[in-house]
Amino acid sequence: MQISFDLISDLHLETWEQPLDFAMMPTSPICVVAGDVTRDRFLLTDALTQLGKNYQAVMYIDGNDEHRWTLDNLETSYEDLKAEIGSIDNVIYLQDNVAVFEGVGFVGTNGWWTYDFTEADSYEDTKKWFMQQYKVGIQECSNVEAMALYDIKYLNKSIANLQKHPDINELVIVTHTVPIPDLVNHDIELDGTYRKNCVGNKRLPSCLQQDTEGKIGTWVFGHYHGPIDKEIDGIRYVNNCRGRGDTQWRQPVYYPKRIEIDY
C-alpha cells in the first residue's frame, strides 16, 4: 500500500512581504507542518485554518517560534496553544496525539534542544549565547532544556506504546528540531558556532531503541533552514523549511515536499 503527504515547515509568515497561497499548495490529501509557522498566534490560527480548508487532514507540531514570547512559562504557553488551535477543522495537534491514516501512524513532538547538539564541551557557553541572542534570562534558558528532556521521554514512551498497535504498520516521526548531528555537519556556516548546538536534540533518536517491530521508516523535521533528504540506517530523514524572509537562509519560491510511503 501507499500513502502520501505534503511536508512544510518554518514558514515564518511574519518575515515575508507576500503571503502564501495555501489553496495552491496541496499535492496530497494530507499535510504535515513541522513547526515555526509564525511567532504571531493570530497568524498561526489563520494559517492552520487555511490549511485545514485545503487538506483533508493537517498534522501540526509546534516550533520554538510559536513560544518565542512565552519562554518564561512554557507550560502555560502549551496550554494556550492547544486551546487556540484545538477547534480548527481538519487540524490535528500531534503533541499528546497519534494520527493514523490507512495503517500509517504519525507521532510528533517539538524536541527543543539541550545546548550540546554537536559540541558538548561548549554547553555552558552555548547557554550564555542563547540568553544574549534571545535576550532572556537563565529561567527561560532552563525552561527550554527542561522541555527538551520532556520531549525525549514523551517520544520514547509513545514509540514503545505503539509497537503492538494492530492498526499501525508504519510510523512517521515528526519533530521540529533536527534529530541527528550528522544531518547538518555539511553546513560550514554552522561549524564552530554556538547556534549549531541549538539546531537539534541528539537524544531524540533514543526512541529508535523502542522500535522493536521496525515500524519507523520516516522522520520529518524543521528548524534547520536548508533542504535535507537523506537515508541513515534504513530511515529517511527529510525537512522542507521555507526559512525567514529577512535572511539569506530561505526559499523565495516555496512548495510543499510530497513524501510517499510504501508499506
C-alpha atoms as a PDB file:
ATOM      1  CA  MET A   1       0.000   0.000   0.000  1.00  0.00           C
ATOM      2  CA  GLN A   2       0.997   3.620  -0.377  1.00  0.00           C
ATOM      3  CA  ILE A   3       0.030   6.951   1.133  1.00  0.00           C
ATOM      4  CA  SER A   4       1.486  10.383   0.522  1.00  0.00           C
ATOM      5  CA  PHE A   5       1.658  13.621   2.459  1.00  0.00           C
ATOM      6  CA  ASP A   6       2.940  17.142   1.934  1.00  0.00           C
ATOM      7  CA  LEU A   7       5.700  18.392   4.250  1.00  0.00           C
ATOM      8  CA  ILE A   8       6.063  22.072   5.132  1.00  0.00           C
ATOM      9  CA  SER A   9       7.735  23.908   7.996  1.00  0.00           C
ATOM     10  CA  ASP A  10       9.396  27.133   9.095  1.00  0.00           C
ATOM     11  CA  LEU A  11       7.052  29.349   7.111  1.00  0.00           C
ATOM     12  CA  HIS A  12       7.950  32.333   9.350  1.00  0.00           C
ATOM     13  CA  LEU A  13       4.957  34.165   7.952  1.00  0.00           C
ATOM     14  CA  GLU A  14       5.641  37.486   9.663  1.00  0.00           C
ATOM     15  CA  THR A  15       9.016  37.852   7.890  1.00  0.00           C
ATOM     16  CA  TRP A  16       7.693  37.726   4.310  1.00  0.00           C
ATOM     17  CA  GLU A  17       6.003  40.535   2.396  1.00  0.00           C
ATOM     18  CA  GLN A  18       3.948  38.254   0.168  1.00  0.00           C
ATOM     19  CA  PRO A  19       1.512  35.812   1.805  1.00  0.00           C
ATOM     20  CA  LEU A  20       1.422  32.174   0.803  1.00  0.00           C
ATOM     21  CA  ASP A  21      -1.466  30.992  -1.328  1.00  0.00           C
ATOM     22  CA  PHE A  22      -2.477  27.931   0.667  1.00  0.00           C
ATOM     23  CA  ALA A  23      -5.081  26.966  -1.927  1.00  0.00           C
ATOM     24  CA  MET A  24      -2.315  26.387  -4.491  1.00  0.00           C
ATOM     25  CA  MET A  25      -0.161  24.230  -2.224  1.00  0.00           C
ATOM     26  CA  PRO A  26      -1.669  20.728  -1.943  1.00  0.00           C
ATOM     27  CA  THR A  27      -0.143  17.823  -3.835  1.00  0.00           C
ATOM     28  CA  SER A  28      -1.527  15.253  -1.366  1.00  0.00           C
ATOM     29  CA  PRO A  29      -4.661  14.958   0.779  1.00  0.00           C
ATOM     30  CA  ILE A  30      -2.576  15.137   3.989  1.00  0.00           C
ATOM     31  CA  CYS A  31      -0.177  17.814   5.213  1.00  0.00           C
ATOM     32  CA  VAL A  32       2.454  17.708   7.955  1.00  0.00           C
ATOM     33  CA  VAL A  33       3.548  21.027   9.457  1.00  0.00           C
ATOM     34  CA  ALA A  34       6.813  20.704  11.404  1.00  0.00           C
ATOM     35  CA  GLY A  35       6.711  23.956  13.370  1.00  0.00           C
ATOM     36  CA  ASP A  36       7.837  27.591  13.228  1.00  0.00           C
ATOM     37  CA  VAL A  37       4.822  28.772  11.282  1.00  0.00           C
ATOM     38  CA  THR A  38       4.992  32.195  12.946  1.00  0.00           C
ATOM     39  CA  ARG A  39       5.634  33.948  16.250  1.00  0.00           C
ATOM     40  CA  ASP A  40       2.200  35.582  15.977  1.00  0.00           C
ATOM     41  CA  ARG A  41      -0.538  33.319  17.374  1.00  0.00           C
ATOM     42  CA  PHE A  42      -3.241  35.110  15.362  1.00  0.00           C
ATOM     43  CA  LEU A  43      -1.331  34.475  12.148  1.00  0.00           C
ATOM     44  CA  LEU A  44      -0.817  30.873  13.277  1.00  0.00           C
ATOM     45  CA  THR A  45      -4.514  30.138  13.782  1.00  0.00           C
ATOM     46  CA  ASP A  46      -5.333  31.793  10.454  1.00  0.00           C
ATOM     47  CA  ALA A  47      -2.669  29.780   8.598  1.00  0.00           C
ATOM     48  CA  LEU A  48      -3.781  26.476  10.135  1.00  0.00           C
ATOM     49  CA  THR A  49      -7.396  27.342   9.354  1.00  0.00           C
ATOM     50  CA  GLN A  50      -6.490  27.965   5.703  1.00  0.00           C
ATOM     51  CA  LEU A  51      -4.505  24.735   5.545  1.00  0.00           C
ATOM     52  CA  GLY A  52      -7.430  22.855   7.087  1.00  0.00           C
ATOM     53  CA  LYS A  53      -9.677  24.120   4.300  1.00  0.00           C
ATOM     54  CA  ASN A  54      -7.317  22.859   1.616  1.00  0.00           C
ATOM     55  CA  TYR A  55      -6.285  19.482   3.045  1.00  0.00           C
ATOM     56  CA  GLN A  56      -8.317  16.581   4.337  1.00  0.00           C
ATOM     57  CA  ALA A  57      -6.031  16.443   7.376  1.00  0.00           C
ATOM     58  CA  VAL A  58      -3.276  18.693   8.711  1.00  0.00           C
ATOM     59  CA  MET A  59      -0.900  17.301  11.328  1.00  0.00           C
ATOM     60  CA  TYR A  60       0.864  20.078  13.185  1.00  0.00           C
ATOM     61  CA  ILE A  61       3.661  20.219  15.738  1.00  0.00           C
ATOM     62  CA  ASP A  62       4.852  23.479  17.251  1.00  0.00           C
ATOM     63  CA  GLY A  63       8.262  25.028  16.771  1.00  0.00           C
ATOM     64  CA  ASN A  64      10.245  27.210  19.124  1.00  0.00           C
ATOM     65  CA  ASP A  65       8.960  30.350  17.366  1.00  0.00           C
ATOM     66  CA  GLU A  66       5.396  29.624  18.469  1.00  0.00           C
ATOM     67  CA  HIS A  67       6.693  30.109  22.025  1.00  0.00           C
ATOM     68  CA  ARG A  68       9.139  32.940  21.327  1.00  0.00           C
ATOM     69  CA  TRP A  69       7.435  35.449  23.630  1.00  0.00           C
ATOM     70  CA  THR A  70       6.367  32.936  26.299  1.00  0.00           C
ATOM     71  CA  LEU A  71       9.609  31.119  27.156  1.00  0.00           C
ATOM     72  CA  ASP A  72       9.221  32.265  30.757  1.00  0.00           C
ATOM     73  CA  ASN A  73       6.229  29.931  31.187  1.00  0.00           C
ATOM     74  CA  LEU A  74       6.196  27.147  28.631  1.00  0.00           C
ATOM     75  CA  GLU A  75       3.591  25.114  30.496  1.00  0.00           C
ATOM     76  CA  THR A  76       1.024  27.889  30.120  1.00  0.00           C
ATOM     77  CA  SER A  77       2.195  28.560  26.566  1.00  0.00           C
ATOM     78  CA  TYR A  78       1.416  24.971  25.594  1.00  0.00           C
ATOM     79  CA  GLU A  79      -1.956  25.048  27.302  1.00  0.00           C
ATOM     80  CA  ASP A  80      -2.878  28.240  25.465  1.00  0.00           C
ATOM     81  CA  LEU A  81      -1.657  26.850  22.142  1.00  0.00           C
ATOM     82  CA  LYS A  82      -3.786  23.727  22.497  1.00  0.00           C
ATOM     83  CA  ALA A  83      -6.832  25.860  23.291  1.00  0.00           C
ATOM     84  CA  GLU A  84      -6.219  28.257  20.401  1.00  0.00           C
ATOM     85  CA  ILE A  85      -5.895  25.612  17.694  1.00  0.00           C
ATOM     86  CA  GLY A  86      -7.959  22.804  19.205  1.00  0.00           C
ATOM     87  CA  SER A  87     -11.180  23.608  17.353  1.00  0.00           C
ATOM     88  CA  ILE A  88      -9.731  24.245  13.878  1.00  0.00           C
ATOM     89  CA  ASP A  89     -11.356  21.916  11.366  1.00  0.00           C
ATOM     90  CA  ASN A  90      -9.160  19.128   9.962  1.00  0.00           C
ATOM     91  CA  VAL A  91      -6.144  20.135  12.091  1.00  0.00           C
ATOM     92  CA  ILE A  92      -4.563  17.618  14.471  1.00  0.00           C
ATOM     93  CA  TYR A  93      -2.080  18.852  17.056  1.00  0.00           C
ATOM     94  CA  LEU A  94       0.327  15.933  17.341  1.00  0.00           C
ATOM     95  CA  GLN A  95       1.614  16.688  20.849  1.00  0.00           C
ATOM     96  CA  ASP A  96      -0.134  14.113  23.081  1.00  0.00           C
ATOM     97  CA  ASN A  97      -1.854  12.694  19.980  1.00  0.00           C
ATOM     98  CA  VAL A  98      -1.259   9.983  17.407  1.00  0.00           C
ATOM     99  CA  ALA A  99      -2.836  10.298  13.974  1.00  0.00           C
ATOM    100  CA  VAL A 100      -3.396   7.113  11.955  1.00  0.00           C
ATOM    101  CA  PHE A 101      -4.160   7.047   8.231  1.00  0.00           C
ATOM    102  CA  GLU A 102      -4.535   3.757   6.372  1.00  0.00           C
ATOM    103  CA  GLY A 103      -2.109   1.916   8.613  1.00  0.00           C
ATOM    104  CA  VAL A 104       0.458   4.713   8.966  1.00  0.00           C
ATOM    105  CA  GLY A 105       0.820   6.402  12.333  1.00  0.00           C
ATOM    106  CA  PHE A 106       2.172   9.915  12.836  1.00  0.00           C
ATOM    107  CA  VAL A 107       3.837  10.731  16.171  1.00  0.00           C
ATOM    108  CA  GLY A 108       5.203  14.175  16.945  1.00  0.00           C
ATOM    109  CA  THR A 109       6.851  16.476  19.442  1.00  0.00           C
ATOM    110  CA  ASN A 110       8.806  19.725  19.236  1.00  0.00           C
ATOM    111  CA  GLY A 111      12.115  18.327  20.521  1.00  0.00           C
ATOM    112  CA  TRP A 112      13.748  21.635  21.530  1.00  0.00           C
ATOM    113  CA  TRP A 113      17.480  21.436  22.427  1.00  0.00           C
ATOM    114  CA  THR A 114      19.855  20.800  25.315  1.00  0.00           C
ATOM    115  CA  TYR A 115      22.663  23.154  24.211  1.00  0.00           C
ATOM    116  CA  ASP A 116      25.042  20.327  23.305  1.00  0.00           C
ATOM    117  CA  PHE A 117      23.823  19.080  19.925  1.00  0.00           C
ATOM    118  CA  THR A 118      27.264  18.833  18.336  1.00  0.00           C
ATOM    119  CA  GLU A 119      29.818  20.103  20.841  1.00  0.00           C
ATOM    120  CA  ALA A 120      29.192  19.069  24.441  1.00  0.00           C
ATOM    121  CA  ASP A 121      32.237  20.932  25.741  1.00  0.00           C
ATOM    122  CA  SER A 122      30.638  24.278  24.836  1.00  0.00           C
ATOM    123  CA  TYR A 123      27.418  23.567  26.747  1.00  0.00           C
ATOM    124  CA  GLU A 124      27.759  26.467  29.209  1.00  0.00           C
ATOM    125  CA  ASP A 125      28.951  28.908  26.572  1.00  0.00           C
ATOM    126  CA  THR A 126      26.037  27.971  24.323  1.00  0.00           C
ATOM    127  CA  LYS A 127      23.578  28.755  27.102  1.00  0.00           C
ATOM    128  CA  LYS A 128      25.198  32.162  27.564  1.00  0.00           C
ATOM    129  CA  TRP A 129      24.991  32.750  23.808  1.00  0.00           C
ATOM    130  CA  PHE A 130      21.320  31.747  23.786  1.00  0.00           C
ATOM    131  CA  MET A 131      20.459  34.170  26.579  1.00  0.00           C
ATOM    132  CA  GLN A 132      22.228  37.003  24.794  1.00  0.00           C
ATOM    133  CA  GLN A 133      20.771  36.136  21.388  1.00  0.00           C
ATOM    134  CA  TYR A 134      17.194  35.799  22.636  1.00  0.00           C
ATOM    135  CA  LYS A 135      17.517  38.476  25.311  1.00  0.00           C
ATOM    136  CA  VAL A 136      16.243  36.155  28.033  1.00  0.00           C
ATOM    137  CA  GLY A 137      17.426  35.047  31.459  1.00  0.00           C
ATOM    138  CA  ILE A 138      18.552  31.781  32.977  1.00  0.00           C
ATOM    139  CA  GLN A 139      14.972  30.728  33.768  1.00  0.00           C
ATOM    140  CA  GLU A 140      13.910  30.818  30.119  1.00  0.00           C
ATOM    141  CA  CYS A 141      17.126  29.052  29.168  1.00  0.00           C
ATOM    142  CA  SER A 142      16.420  26.286  31.684  1.00  0.00           C
ATOM    143  CA  ASN A 143      12.791  26.001  30.583  1.00  0.00           C
ATOM    144  CA  VAL A 144      13.888  25.157  27.049  1.00  0.00           C
ATOM    145  CA  GLU A 145      16.198  22.418  28.274  1.00  0.00           C
ATOM    146  CA  ALA A 146      13.510  21.005  30.545  1.00  0.00           C
ATOM    147  CA  MET A 147      11.098  20.774  27.615  1.00  0.00           C
ATOM    148  CA  ALA A 148      13.775  19.058  25.522  1.00  0.00           C
ATOM    149  CA  LEU A 149      14.201  16.393  28.190  1.00  0.00           C
ATOM    150  CA  TYR A 150      10.430  16.009  28.497  1.00  0.00           C
ATOM    151  CA  ASP A 151      10.056  15.548  24.736  1.00  0.00           C
ATOM    152  CA  ILE A 152      12.710  12.828  24.722  1.00  0.00           C
ATOM    153  CA  LYS A 153      10.773  10.858  27.335  1.00  0.00           C
ATOM    154  CA  TYR A 154       7.476  11.509  25.589  1.00  0.00           C
ATOM    155  CA  LEU A 155       8.744  10.245  22.251  1.00  0.00           C
ATOM    156  CA  ASN A 156      10.299   7.131  23.803  1.00  0.00           C
ATOM    157  CA  LYS A 157       7.097   6.264  25.625  1.00  0.00           C
ATOM    158  CA  SER A 158       4.934   6.898  22.560  1.00  0.00           C
ATOM    159  CA  ILE A 159       7.016   4.683  20.276  1.00  0.00           C
ATOM    160  CA  ALA A 160       7.085   1.901  22.868  1.00  0.00           C
ATOM    161  CA  ASN A 161       3.305   2.035  23.323  1.00  0.00           C
ATOM    162  CA  LEU A 162       2.629   1.839  19.589  1.00  0.00           C
ATOM    163  CA  GLN A 163       4.674  -1.276  18.852  1.00  0.00           C
ATOM    164  CA  LYS A 164       1.763  -3.675  19.256  1.00  0.00           C
ATOM    165  CA  HIS A 165      -0.941  -1.355  17.948  1.00  0.00           C
ATOM    166  CA  PRO A 166      -2.936  -3.514  15.495  1.00  0.00           C
ATOM    167  CA  ASP A 167      -3.869  -0.617  13.182  1.00  0.00           C
ATOM    168  CA  ILE A 168      -0.331   0.713  12.669  1.00  0.00           C
ATOM    169  CA  ASN A 169       2.043  -0.919  10.198  1.00  0.00           C
ATOM    170  CA  GLU A 170       4.370   2.058   9.668  1.00  0.00           C
ATOM    171  CA  LEU A 171       5.378   5.028  11.829  1.00  0.00           C
ATOM    172  CA  VAL A 172       6.356   8.545  10.806  1.00  0.00           C
ATOM    173  CA  ILE A 173       8.082  10.689  13.430  1.00  0.00           C
ATOM    174  CA  VAL A 174       7.547  14.439  13.266  1.00  0.00           C
ATOM    175  CA  THR A 175       9.800  16.780  15.249  1.00  0.00           C
ATOM    176  CA  HIS A 176      10.605  20.434  14.880  1.00  0.00           C
ATOM    177  CA  THR A 177      14.293  20.224  15.763  1.00  0.00           C
ATOM    178  CA  VAL A 178      16.919  18.124  13.984  1.00  0.00           C
ATOM    179  CA  PRO A 179      17.381  14.618  15.444  1.00  0.00           C
ATOM    180  CA  ILE A 180      20.911  13.700  14.254  1.00  0.00           C
ATOM    181  CA  PRO A 181      24.022  15.946  14.146  1.00  0.00           C
ATOM    182  CA  ASP A 182      25.315  14.205  11.001  1.00  0.00           C
ATOM    183  CA  LEU A 183      22.414  15.720   9.070  1.00  0.00           C
ATOM    184  CA  VAL A 184      23.844  19.230   9.415  1.00  0.00           C
ATOM    185  CA  ASN A 185      27.580  18.539   9.604  1.00  0.00           C
ATOM    186  CA  HIS A 186      27.936  19.593   5.982  1.00  0.00           C
ATOM    187  CA  ASP A 187      26.992  23.186   6.813  1.00  0.00           C
ATOM    188  CA  ILE A 188      30.271  25.101   7.119  1.00  0.00           C
ATOM    189  CA  GLU A 189      28.410  28.255   8.162  1.00  0.00           C
ATOM    190  CA  LEU A 190      27.268  26.489  11.332  1.00  0.00           C
ATOM    191  CA  ASP A 191      30.587  24.843  12.171  1.00  0.00           C
ATOM    192  CA  GLY A 192      32.176  26.253  15.284  1.00  0.00           C
ATOM    193  CA  THR A 193      29.130  28.377  16.170  1.00  0.00           C
ATOM    194  CA  TYR A 194      27.020  28.199  19.286  1.00  0.00           C
ATOM    195  CA  ARG A 195      23.948  28.280  17.077  1.00  0.00           C
ATOM    196  CA  LYS A 196      24.741  24.751  15.912  1.00  0.00           C
ATOM    197  CA  ASN A 197      24.241  23.436  19.444  1.00  0.00           C
ATOM    198  CA  CYS A 198      20.676  24.755  19.325  1.00  0.00           C
ATOM    199  CA  VAL A 199      19.758  23.238  15.954  1.00  0.00           C
ATOM    200  CA  GLY A 200      18.705  19.868  17.307  1.00  0.00           C
ATOM    201  CA  ASN A 201      18.287  17.399  20.132  1.00  0.00           C
ATOM    202  CA  LYS A 202      20.699  14.483  19.727  1.00  0.00           C
ATOM    203  CA  ARG A 203      18.875  12.421  22.370  1.00  0.00           C
ATOM    204  CA  LEU A 204      15.634  12.196  20.399  1.00  0.00           C
ATOM    205  CA  PRO A 205      16.825   9.127  18.410  1.00  0.00           C
ATOM    206  CA  SER A 206      16.905   7.112  21.641  1.00  0.00           C
ATOM    207  CA  CYS A 207      13.272   6.379  20.747  1.00  0.00           C
ATOM    208  CA  LEU A 208      14.536   4.154  17.931  1.00  0.00           C
ATOM    209  CA  GLN A 209      15.567   1.622  20.570  1.00  0.00           C
ATOM    210  CA  GLN A 210      11.874   1.286  21.405  1.00  0.00           C
ATOM    211  CA  ASP A 211      11.001   0.402  17.812  1.00  0.00           C
ATOM    212  CA  THR A 212      11.206  -3.347  18.350  1.00  0.00           C
ATOM    213  CA  GLU A 213       8.804  -4.073  15.465  1.00  0.00           C
ATOM    214  CA  GLY A 214      10.745  -1.968  12.951  1.00  0.00           C
ATOM    215  CA  LYS A 215       7.821   0.331  12.184  1.00  0.00           C
ATOM    216  CA  ILE A 216       9.706   3.629  11.877  1.00  0.00           C
ATOM    217  CA  GLY A 217      10.603   4.371   8.271  1.00  0.00           C
ATOM    218  CA  THR A 218      10.450   8.162   8.002  1.00  0.00           C
ATOM    219  CA  TRP A 219      11.450  11.062  10.258  1.00  0.00           C
ATOM    220  CA  VAL A 220      10.488  14.589   9.173  1.00  0.00           C
ATOM    221  CA  PHE A 221      11.577  17.786  10.893  1.00  0.00           C
ATOM    222  CA  GLY A 222      12.160  21.525  10.523  1.00  0.00           C
ATOM    223  CA  HIS A 223      14.214  24.224  12.271  1.00  0.00           C
ATOM    224  CA  TYR A 224      17.266  23.884  10.005  1.00  0.00           C
ATOM    225  CA  HIS A 225      16.851  26.230   7.043  1.00  0.00           C
ATOM    226  CA  GLY A 226      18.364  24.049   4.374  1.00  0.00           C
ATOM    227  CA  PRO A 227      16.859  21.130   2.419  1.00  0.00           C
ATOM    228  CA  ILE A 228      17.635  17.634   3.675  1.00  0.00           C
ATOM    229  CA  ASP A 229      16.500  14.293   2.291  1.00  0.00           C
ATOM    230  CA  LYS A 230      18.819  11.525   3.446  1.00  0.00           C
ATOM    231  CA  GLU A 231      18.592   7.880   4.475  1.00  0.00           C
ATOM    232  CA  ILE A 232      20.526   6.717   7.530  1.00  0.00           C
ATOM    233  CA  ASP A 233      20.309   3.146   8.830  1.00  0.00           C
ATOM    234  CA  GLY A 234      17.127   2.480   6.886  1.00  0.00           C
ATOM    235  CA  ILE A 235      15.262   5.617   7.996  1.00  0.00           C
ATOM    236  CA  ARG A 236      14.552   8.511   5.655  1.00  0.00           C
ATOM    237  CA  TYR A 237      15.165  11.929   7.250  1.00  0.00           C
ATOM    238  CA  VAL A 238      13.505  14.863   5.470  1.00  0.00           C
ATOM    239  CA  ASN A 239      12.980  18.558   6.014  1.00  0.00           C
ATOM    240  CA  ASN A 240      11.475  21.241   3.818  1.00  0.00           C
ATOM    241  CA  CYS A 241      11.889  24.615   5.501  1.00  0.00           C
ATOM    242  CA  ARG A 242      10.790  27.826   3.840  1.00  0.00           C
ATOM    243  CA  GLY A 243      13.046  29.913   6.086  1.00  0.00           C
ATOM    244  CA  ARG A 244      12.903  33.504   7.273  1.00  0.00           C
ATOM    245  CA  GLY A 245      12.230  36.066   4.564  1.00  0.00           C
ATOM    246  CA  ASP A 246      14.640  38.538   6.134  1.00  0.00           C
ATOM    247  CA  THR A 247      17.689  36.247   5.961  1.00  0.00           C
ATOM    248  CA  GLN A 248      19.703  34.537   3.245  1.00  0.00           C
ATOM    249  CA  TRP A 249      18.589  31.114   4.501  1.00  0.00           C
ATOM    250  CA  ARG A 250      15.271  30.972   2.709  1.00  0.00           C
ATOM    251  CA  GLN A 251      13.417  29.578  -0.288  1.00  0.00           C
ATOM    252  CA  PRO A 252      11.924  32.546  -2.203  1.00  0.00           C
ATOM    253  CA  VAL A 253       9.884  30.099  -4.276  1.00  0.00           C
ATOM    254  CA  TYR A 254       8.416  27.569  -1.900  1.00  0.00           C
ATOM    255  CA  TYR A 255       6.314  24.460  -2.363  1.00  0.00           C
ATOM    256  CA  PRO A 256       5.367  21.507  -0.164  1.00  0.00           C
ATOM    257  CA  LYS A 257       7.549  18.431  -0.479  1.00  0.00           C
ATOM    258  CA  ARG A 258       5.466  15.390  -1.391  1.00  0.00           C
ATOM    259  CA  ILE A 259       6.534  12.297   0.522  1.00  0.00           C
ATOM    260  CA  GLU A 260       5.310   8.865  -0.493  1.00  0.00           C
ATOM    261  CA  ILE A 261       5.330   5.908   1.872  1.00  0.00           C
ATOM    262  CA  ASP A 262       5.085   2.324   0.665  1.00  0.00           C
ATOM    263  CA  TYR A 263       4.359  -0.370   3.223  1.00  0.00           C
END
